[in-house]
Amino acid sequence: MDAPSPGKDMQEKKFNLVLNGKNYNLIFSYTKNDLIIKCEDLDEKEIYSQSLSYETITKDNRYFLMCETIFDIMNELSDLASDNKVSISKNTSNLIVNFQLSSHKFKEAIFTLFYKEKMKVDEIGILNKRIEEHKKEIEEHKKEIEEHKKEIKDQKKEIEEHKKEIEEQKKEIEYLKQRLINIEKWKNEIIENKTTNIIKENIIIDSKIITQKEQINFIEKSILRSEMLKGKKITFNLIYQASRDGDSIQNFYDKCNGIAHVLLILRTDKSFIFGGYTDLAFIFHSSGATEYQDNNAFVFSMDKKKIYPVKKGRKSTRCCYCCCPQFSQNTIHIEDKFLNRSDNSCCTANEGYYDGFSRDYELNDGVETFKISELEVFQISFFN
């Protein structure tokens, strides 16, 4: 069977090979009767070639008897070159091209190419240009790989953030489940007339921090500890909740400015609960700061069930333009945008304004700084 007439798209097949650190172009082409194998030694700038008939090839390499035409033999050799199943060596002035065959019977096919000529200057220039283009392509591929690595890293980071969000949501779900359990208990107690006059039921539902009856009892007992308030009862009106109303200074004062008899309570990201009470109002200042003296003020630790009254003659609270109200002086200090800060910028200190501390930073279990997960302010009303 004759080979198909060489067309523009099949007349030549070219392979760039790097073998033992040397660069070659292995080129196959054919005429009607002959296969032409050409090899360009790009390092030595030399060209080797050999023209072989179908009979010559099949006589020396019987493996190719399975091929019906020169065209078929060229395709077989092209497949071997494409799979890098080829080695090249020099023998005096000749070039030996050895193809590794996949046949059990025939292991290799060897072709001897004869030196033809030195490569022309323009051919060398073209090849050098191709080499530079290949280098550029390699650099672009490297850049793409680095970009993919960065994308993978960013995706991993997003996955970790989603995992963290899921964990936070799980915690919130558990917290809400516990609140529902507590609310059900309180409802049952109300039905059985076993509750004391502590607080209205709707306030219990509003708070995300005060979730247990003993917490409410502790707060009520702390506020009503003075002789003047004995026999009184109190109600709690939630006027500010950070997760609901926003955590900026402006958000805080929009809800709390000028309101007296206030209870401030917060929960940290480590689940410590503490706060303070004052009869005086928090007053916003557009500049500077003002400290107030309230002899009934106190700070408290819900975890320790302990109150710390203001020392006689000491200022109890401090209001300024640059942060949320403080229980003086940095006994409880709350920064602007406290829910969304990445740093532990809120702090507690024992600077001699409140009495009863047995160690430094006692409100926060011995740690100076903290992050806030929730903060609430209640207006306290008194009645007989």
Protein backbone atom coordinates (compact mmCIF):
# COMPACT_ATOMS: atom_id res chain seq x y z
CA MET A 1 0.00 0.00 0.00
CA ASP A 2 1.37 3.40 -0.91
CA ALA A 3 1.81 6.16 1.68
CA PRO A 4 -0.59 9.08 1.42
CA SER A 5 0.70 12.03 -0.51
CA PRO A 6 2.56 14.38 1.87
CA GLY A 7 0.35 17.26 2.76
CA LYS A 8 1.14 20.50 4.49
CA ASP A 9 -0.19 19.24 7.85
CA MET A 10 1.68 15.88 7.84
CA GLN A 11 4.88 16.46 5.88
CA GLU A 12 7.05 16.97 8.98
CA LYS A 13 6.91 15.99 12.64
CA LYS A 14 9.32 17.72 15.01
CA PHE A 15 10.24 16.93 18.62
CA ASN A 16 12.41 18.95 20.99
CA LEU A 17 14.34 16.55 23.24
CA VAL A 18 16.61 17.09 26.23
CA LEU A 19 18.77 14.00 26.66
CA ASN A 20 21.62 13.80 29.16
CA GLY A 21 21.63 17.58 29.46
CA LYS A 22 21.88 18.14 25.68
CA ASN A 23 19.26 19.70 23.42
CA TYR A 24 18.12 18.14 20.15
CA ASN A 25 15.45 18.62 17.51
CA LEU A 26 14.38 15.25 16.07
CA ILE A 27 12.52 15.71 12.79
CA PHE A 28 10.64 13.11 10.69
CA SER A 29 9.45 13.64 7.13
CA TYR A 30 8.83 11.41 4.17
CA THR A 31 8.58 11.18 0.43
CA LYS A 32 6.61 8.60 -1.47
CA ASN A 33 9.37 6.01 -1.09
CA ASP A 34 11.67 7.17 1.71
CA LEU A 35 11.57 8.15 5.38
CA ILE A 36 13.86 11.08 6.22
CA ILE A 37 15.15 11.28 9.78
CA LYS A 38 16.97 14.51 10.66
CA CYS A 39 18.50 15.48 14.01
CA GLU A 40 19.66 18.98 14.96
CA ASP A 41 22.29 19.07 17.72
CA LEU A 42 21.37 22.45 19.20
CA ASP A 43 24.42 22.64 21.46
CA GLU A 44 27.00 21.80 18.77
CA LYS A 45 24.96 23.53 16.04
CA GLU A 46 25.26 20.44 13.79
CA ILE A 47 22.74 18.71 11.53
CA TYR A 48 22.63 14.95 10.93
CA SER A 49 20.27 13.10 8.60
CA GLN A 50 19.52 9.83 6.82
CA SER A 51 17.06 8.88 4.07
CA LEU A 52 15.77 5.31 4.30
CA SER A 53 13.46 3.23 2.11
CA TYR A 54 10.73 1.00 3.46
CA GLU A 55 12.75 -2.09 2.40
CA THR A 56 15.90 -0.90 4.16
CA ILE A 57 14.09 -0.10 7.40
CA THR A 58 12.19 -3.39 7.58
CA LYS A 59 15.28 -5.39 6.64
CA ASP A 60 17.36 -3.91 9.48
CA ASN A 61 14.47 -3.61 11.97
CA ARG A 62 11.93 -6.38 11.43
CA TYR A 63 9.71 -4.81 14.12
CA PHE A 64 8.47 -2.38 11.47
CA LEU A 65 7.08 -5.13 9.22
CA MET A 66 3.81 -4.52 11.01
CA CYS A 67 3.73 -1.10 9.30
CA GLU A 68 2.35 -1.10 5.79
CA THR A 69 3.81 2.18 4.58
CA ILE A 70 6.61 4.68 5.18
CA PHE A 71 3.93 6.96 6.65
CA ASP A 72 3.02 4.28 9.23
CA ILE A 73 6.68 3.86 10.21
CA MET A 74 7.01 7.63 10.67
CA ASN A 75 3.96 7.67 12.92
CA GLU A 76 5.35 4.79 14.99
CA LEU A 77 8.70 6.55 15.46
CA SER A 78 6.88 9.83 16.26
CA ASP A 79 4.91 8.10 19.03
CA LEU A 80 8.15 6.74 20.52
CA ALA A 81 9.76 10.20 20.38
CA SER A 82 6.68 11.78 21.93
CA ASP A 83 6.88 9.27 24.81
CA ASN A 84 10.61 10.11 25.19
CA LYS A 85 11.52 6.50 24.39
CA VAL A 86 14.65 7.54 22.53
CA SER A 87 18.35 8.01 23.21
CA ILE A 88 21.01 9.76 21.11
CA SER A 89 24.76 9.21 21.10
CA LYS A 90 27.72 10.04 18.85
CA ASN A 91 29.91 7.54 17.06
CA THR A 92 32.88 9.29 15.42
CA SER A 93 31.21 11.57 12.87
CA ASN A 94 27.85 9.85 12.99
CA LEU A 95 24.84 10.19 15.31
CA ILE A 96 23.20 7.04 16.66
CA VAL A 97 19.47 7.33 17.41
CA ASN A 98 18.13 4.43 19.47
CA PHE A 99 14.37 3.93 19.90
CA GLN A 100 13.18 1.72 22.80
CA LEU A 101 10.47 -0.62 21.55
CA SER A 102 7.61 -2.03 23.59
CA SER A 103 7.68 -5.41 21.86
CA HIS A 104 8.79 -8.48 23.83
CA LYS A 105 10.59 -9.78 20.76
CA PHE A 106 12.21 -6.56 19.57
CA LYS A 107 13.79 -4.34 22.25
CA GLU A 108 15.21 -1.49 20.18
CA ALA A 109 15.48 0.06 16.74
CA ILE A 110 18.75 1.77 15.83
CA PHE A 111 19.24 4.36 13.10
CA THR A 112 22.57 5.84 12.08
CA LEU A 113 22.42 9.49 10.96
CA PHE A 114 25.29 11.01 8.99
CA TYR A 115 26.77 14.45 9.53
CA LYS A 116 25.37 16.85 6.99
CA GLU A 117 26.32 20.41 7.83
CA LYS A 118 26.63 23.11 10.43
CA MET A 119 23.43 24.92 11.23
CA LYS A 120 22.99 28.22 9.49
CA VAL A 121 23.23 31.42 11.45
CA ASP A 122 19.58 32.30 10.84
CA GLU A 123 18.53 28.82 11.95
CA ILE A 124 20.56 29.23 15.14
CA GLY A 125 18.90 32.57 15.74
CA ILE A 126 15.46 31.05 15.25
CA LEU A 127 16.31 28.22 17.62
CA ASN A 128 17.68 30.62 20.22
CA LYS A 129 14.47 32.61 19.91
CA ARG A 130 12.45 29.44 20.41
CA ILE A 131 14.54 28.58 23.47
CA GLU A 132 13.87 32.02 24.92
CA GLU A 133 10.17 31.61 24.19
CA HIS A 134 10.21 28.24 25.94
CA LYS A 135 11.96 29.83 28.92
CA LYS A 136 9.33 32.56 29.00
CA GLU A 137 6.58 29.93 28.87
CA ILE A 138 8.24 28.07 31.74
CA GLU A 139 8.34 31.27 33.82
CA GLU A 140 4.69 31.93 33.06
CA HIS A 141 3.83 28.39 34.12
CA LYS A 142 5.79 28.89 37.32
CA LYS A 143 3.85 32.10 37.94
CA GLU A 144 0.56 30.29 37.31
CA ILE A 145 1.62 27.54 39.74
CA GLU A 146 2.40 30.16 42.43
CA GLU A 147 -0.98 31.81 41.82
CA HIS A 148 -2.70 28.43 42.14
CA LYS A 149 -0.78 27.79 45.37
CA LYS A 150 -1.95 31.16 46.68
CA GLU A 151 -5.55 30.39 45.66
CA ILE A 152 -5.33 27.04 47.45
CA LYS A 153 -3.92 28.77 50.54
CA ASP A 154 -6.73 31.36 50.47
CA GLN A 155 -9.31 28.59 50.03
CA LYS A 156 -7.84 26.72 53.01
CA LYS A 157 -8.04 29.93 55.04
CA GLU A 158 -11.70 30.39 54.02
CA ILE A 159 -12.41 26.79 55.00
CA GLU A 160 -10.83 27.36 58.42
CA GLU A 161 -12.88 30.55 58.86
CA HIS A 162 -16.05 28.67 57.90
CA LYS A 163 -15.15 25.95 60.41
CA LYS A 164 -14.68 28.62 63.07
CA GLU A 165 -18.05 30.18 62.17
CA ILE A 166 -19.70 26.76 62.39
CA GLU A 167 -18.17 26.20 65.84
CA GLU A 168 -19.41 29.62 66.98
CA GLN A 169 -22.88 28.81 65.65
CA LYS A 170 -22.82 25.48 67.47
CA LYS A 171 -21.93 27.29 70.71
CA GLU A 172 -24.76 29.78 70.10
CA ILE A 173 -27.20 26.92 69.49
CA GLU A 174 -26.15 25.22 72.73
CA TYR A 175 -26.47 28.53 74.54
CA LEU A 176 -29.99 29.06 73.14
CA LYS A 177 -30.96 25.50 74.07
CA GLN A 178 -29.85 26.14 77.64
CA ARG A 179 -31.81 29.39 77.73
CA LEU A 180 -34.94 27.62 76.55
CA ILE A 181 -34.46 25.03 79.29
CA ASN A 182 -34.08 27.79 81.89
CA ILE A 183 -37.10 29.69 80.59
CA GLU A 184 -39.21 26.52 80.80
CA LYS A 185 -38.06 26.02 84.40
CA TRP A 186 -38.98 29.60 85.29
CA LYS A 187 -42.40 29.25 83.67
CA ASN A 188 -43.06 26.13 85.70
CA GLU A 189 -41.99 27.88 88.89
CA ILE A 190 -44.28 30.80 88.14
CA ILE A 191 -47.22 28.43 87.62
CA GLU A 192 -46.47 26.72 90.93
CA ASN A 193 -46.07 30.09 92.72
CA LYS A 194 -42.53 29.19 93.79
CA THR A 195 -40.80 32.26 92.37
CA THR A 196 -39.87 35.35 94.35
CA ASN A 197 -40.42 38.89 93.13
CA ILE A 198 -37.16 39.06 91.22
CA ILE A 199 -37.75 40.31 87.72
CA LYS A 200 -40.41 40.40 85.01
CA GLU A 201 -40.46 37.36 82.75
CA ASN A 202 -39.97 39.33 79.53
CA ILE A 203 -36.64 40.75 80.79
CA ILE A 204 -35.30 37.24 81.32
CA ILE A 205 -36.07 36.47 77.68
CA ASP A 206 -34.49 39.71 76.43
CA SER A 207 -31.09 39.16 78.07
CA LYS A 208 -28.39 37.06 76.43
CA ILE A 209 -26.17 37.19 79.53
CA ILE A 210 -28.52 36.88 82.52
CA THR A 211 -29.86 33.38 81.95
CA GLN A 212 -30.13 31.85 85.42
CA LYS A 213 -32.33 32.67 88.40
CA GLU A 214 -29.39 32.69 90.82
CA GLN A 215 -27.71 35.36 88.67
CA ILE A 216 -30.79 37.56 88.94
CA ASN A 217 -30.95 36.97 92.69
CA PHE A 218 -27.31 38.00 93.06
CA ILE A 219 -27.81 41.24 91.10
CA GLU A 220 -30.98 42.15 93.00
CA LYS A 221 -29.32 41.47 96.36
CA SER A 222 -26.27 43.57 95.36
CA ILE A 223 -28.33 46.59 94.28
CA LEU A 224 -30.67 46.44 97.33
CA ARG A 225 -27.88 45.97 99.90
CA SER A 226 -28.13 49.52 101.38
CA GLU A 227 -30.40 50.31 104.35
CA MET A 228 -32.34 52.87 102.31
CA LEU A 229 -33.47 50.23 99.81
CA LYS A 230 -34.44 47.47 102.20
CA GLY A 231 -37.91 46.17 101.44
CA LYS A 232 -37.81 47.54 97.92
CA LYS A 233 -38.20 45.49 94.77
CA ILE A 234 -36.69 46.18 91.38
CA THR A 235 -37.44 45.69 87.70
CA PHE A 236 -34.92 45.52 84.86
CA ASN A 237 -35.47 47.31 81.56
CA LEU A 238 -33.01 46.31 78.82
CA ILE A 239 -32.10 49.61 77.11
CA TYR A 240 -28.97 48.55 75.23
CA GLN A 241 -27.67 45.27 73.80
CA ALA A 242 -24.46 45.43 71.73
CA SER A 243 -25.28 42.56 69.35
CA ARG A 244 -28.66 44.15 68.63
CA ASP A 245 -27.93 47.90 68.76
CA GLY A 246 -24.29 48.12 67.58
CA ASP A 247 -20.99 48.35 69.45
CA SER A 248 -19.76 51.89 68.72
CA ILE A 249 -19.58 54.77 71.22
CA GLN A 250 -22.39 56.47 69.29
CA ASN A 251 -24.56 53.32 69.41
CA PHE A 252 -24.04 53.10 73.17
CA TYR A 253 -24.95 56.71 73.96
CA ASP A 254 -27.89 56.73 71.54
CA LYS A 255 -29.54 54.23 73.92
CA CYS A 256 -28.03 55.10 77.32
CA ASN A 257 -27.18 58.82 77.41
CA GLY A 258 -28.66 60.60 80.44
CA ILE A 259 -30.41 57.54 81.93
CA ALA A 260 -29.80 57.06 85.66
CA HIS A 261 -29.80 53.86 87.77
CA VAL A 262 -28.02 51.69 85.23
CA LEU A 263 -26.58 48.20 85.40
CA LEU A 264 -23.82 47.41 82.87
CA ILE A 265 -23.01 43.72 82.41
CA LEU A 266 -20.70 42.03 79.89
CA ARG A 267 -19.60 38.55 78.88
CA THR A 268 -16.05 37.97 77.56
CA ASP A 269 -15.03 35.56 74.81
CA LYS A 270 -13.74 33.33 77.64
CA SER A 271 -17.28 33.35 79.17
CA PHE A 272 -16.39 35.44 82.24
CA ILE A 273 -19.31 37.66 83.32
CA PHE A 274 -18.83 40.91 85.24
CA GLY A 275 -20.00 44.51 85.24
CA GLY A 276 -20.99 47.46 87.42
CA TYR A 277 -23.91 49.52 88.77
CA THR A 278 -24.30 53.26 89.35
CA ASP A 279 -27.18 55.51 90.39
CA LEU A 280 -25.78 58.23 88.12
CA ALA A 281 -26.27 58.51 84.38
CA PHE A 282 -23.69 58.00 81.66
CA ILE A 283 -23.30 61.39 79.91
CA PHE A 284 -21.73 61.71 76.46
CA HIS A 285 -18.92 64.28 76.03
CA SER A 286 -17.89 65.46 72.56
CA SER A 287 -14.43 66.32 73.89
CA GLY A 288 -12.43 65.73 77.04
CA ALA A 289 -13.57 63.52 79.94
CA THR A 290 -15.52 63.87 83.20
CA GLU A 291 -15.42 61.65 86.30
CA TYR A 292 -18.41 61.21 88.59
CA GLN A 293 -18.70 60.26 92.25
CA ASP A 294 -21.49 57.89 93.32
CA ASN A 295 -21.16 56.32 96.78
CA ASN A 296 -23.67 53.59 95.85
CA ALA A 297 -21.68 52.44 92.80
CA PHE A 298 -20.07 49.00 92.70
CA VAL A 299 -18.54 46.54 90.29
CA PHE A 300 -19.18 42.82 90.51
CA SER A 301 -18.02 39.39 89.35
CA MET A 302 -20.90 37.09 88.46
CA ASP A 303 -18.53 34.09 88.42
CA LYS A 304 -17.31 34.76 91.98
CA LYS A 305 -20.70 36.09 93.20
CA LYS A 306 -18.76 39.00 94.67
CA ILE A 307 -19.24 42.79 94.67
CA TYR A 308 -16.57 45.48 94.98
CA PRO A 309 -18.02 48.80 96.32
CA VAL A 310 -16.48 52.14 95.37
CA LYS A 311 -14.09 53.50 97.99
CA LYS A 312 -15.26 56.47 99.99
CA GLY A 313 -14.29 59.75 98.33
CA ARG A 314 -13.25 58.07 95.08
CA LYS A 315 -14.70 58.76 91.64
CA SER A 316 -16.92 55.91 90.50
CA THR A 317 -17.40 56.36 86.73
CA ARG A 318 -15.75 58.22 83.86
CA CYS A 319 -17.25 59.38 80.55
CA CYS A 320 -15.24 60.69 77.60
CA TYR A 321 -15.47 61.13 73.83
CA CYS A 322 -12.98 58.42 72.83
CA CYS A 323 -14.32 55.28 74.49
CA CYS A 324 -17.40 53.79 76.10
CA PRO A 325 -18.08 54.66 79.79
CA GLN A 326 -15.62 53.36 82.36
CA PHE A 327 -15.89 52.31 85.95
CA SER A 328 -12.99 54.40 87.26
CA GLN A 329 -10.08 54.21 86.87
CA ASN A 330 -9.89 51.47 84.23
CA THR A 331 -11.52 49.08 86.71
CA ILE A 332 -13.65 48.27 83.68
CA HIS A 333 -12.45 49.95 80.46
CA ILE A 334 -14.38 49.40 77.21
CA GLU A 335 -13.04 50.55 73.82
CA ASP A 336 -15.01 51.72 70.78
CA LYS A 337 -16.21 48.97 68.36
CA PHE A 338 -15.50 46.37 71.05
CA LEU A 339 -17.32 43.44 69.38
CA ASN A 340 -15.37 43.71 66.11
CA ARG A 341 -11.83 44.32 67.37
CA SER A 342 -9.22 41.65 66.64
CA ASP A 343 -7.09 42.70 69.63
CA ASN A 344 -7.76 42.35 73.36
CA SER A 345 -8.16 46.11 73.77
CA CYS A 346 -10.70 46.18 76.63
CA CYS A 347 -9.15 45.82 80.04
CA THR A 348 -9.63 45.64 83.79
CA ALA A 349 -7.33 46.96 86.52
CA ASN A 350 -7.16 47.32 90.32
CA GLU A 351 -6.11 50.95 90.72
CA GLY A 352 -7.57 51.70 94.15
CA TYR A 353 -10.99 53.04 93.19
CA TYR A 354 -13.03 50.00 94.26
CA ASP A 355 -12.64 47.92 97.41
CA GLY A 356 -12.38 44.16 97.97
CA PHE A 357 -9.93 42.96 95.32
CA SER A 358 -7.66 40.16 96.51
CA ARG A 359 -5.43 40.06 93.39
CA ASP A 360 -4.72 41.92 90.18
CA TYR A 361 -7.33 41.77 87.38
CA GLU A 362 -9.63 39.69 89.58
CA LEU A 363 -12.75 40.46 87.54
CA ASN A 364 -11.21 38.70 84.51
CA ASP A 365 -9.69 35.79 86.43
CA GLY A 366 -6.23 37.37 86.70
CA VAL A 367 -5.90 38.51 83.05
CA GLU A 368 -5.67 42.23 82.28
CA THR A 369 -7.18 42.41 78.78
CA PHE A 370 -10.19 40.71 77.22
CA LYS A 371 -12.51 40.60 74.23
CA ILE A 372 -16.25 41.17 74.67
CA SER A 373 -18.76 38.75 73.15
CA GLU A 374 -21.84 40.59 74.50
CA LEU A 375 -22.61 43.72 76.54
CA GLU A 376 -25.98 44.84 77.95
CA VAL A 377 -27.22 47.85 79.92
CA PHE A 378 -30.38 47.75 82.07
CA GLN A 379 -32.26 50.65 83.61
CA ILE A 380 -33.19 49.69 87.17
CA SER A 381 -36.56 50.81 88.60
CA PHE A 382 -37.49 50.55 92.28
CA PHE A 383 -40.96 49.89 93.74
CA ASN A 384 -42.47 48.75 97.05
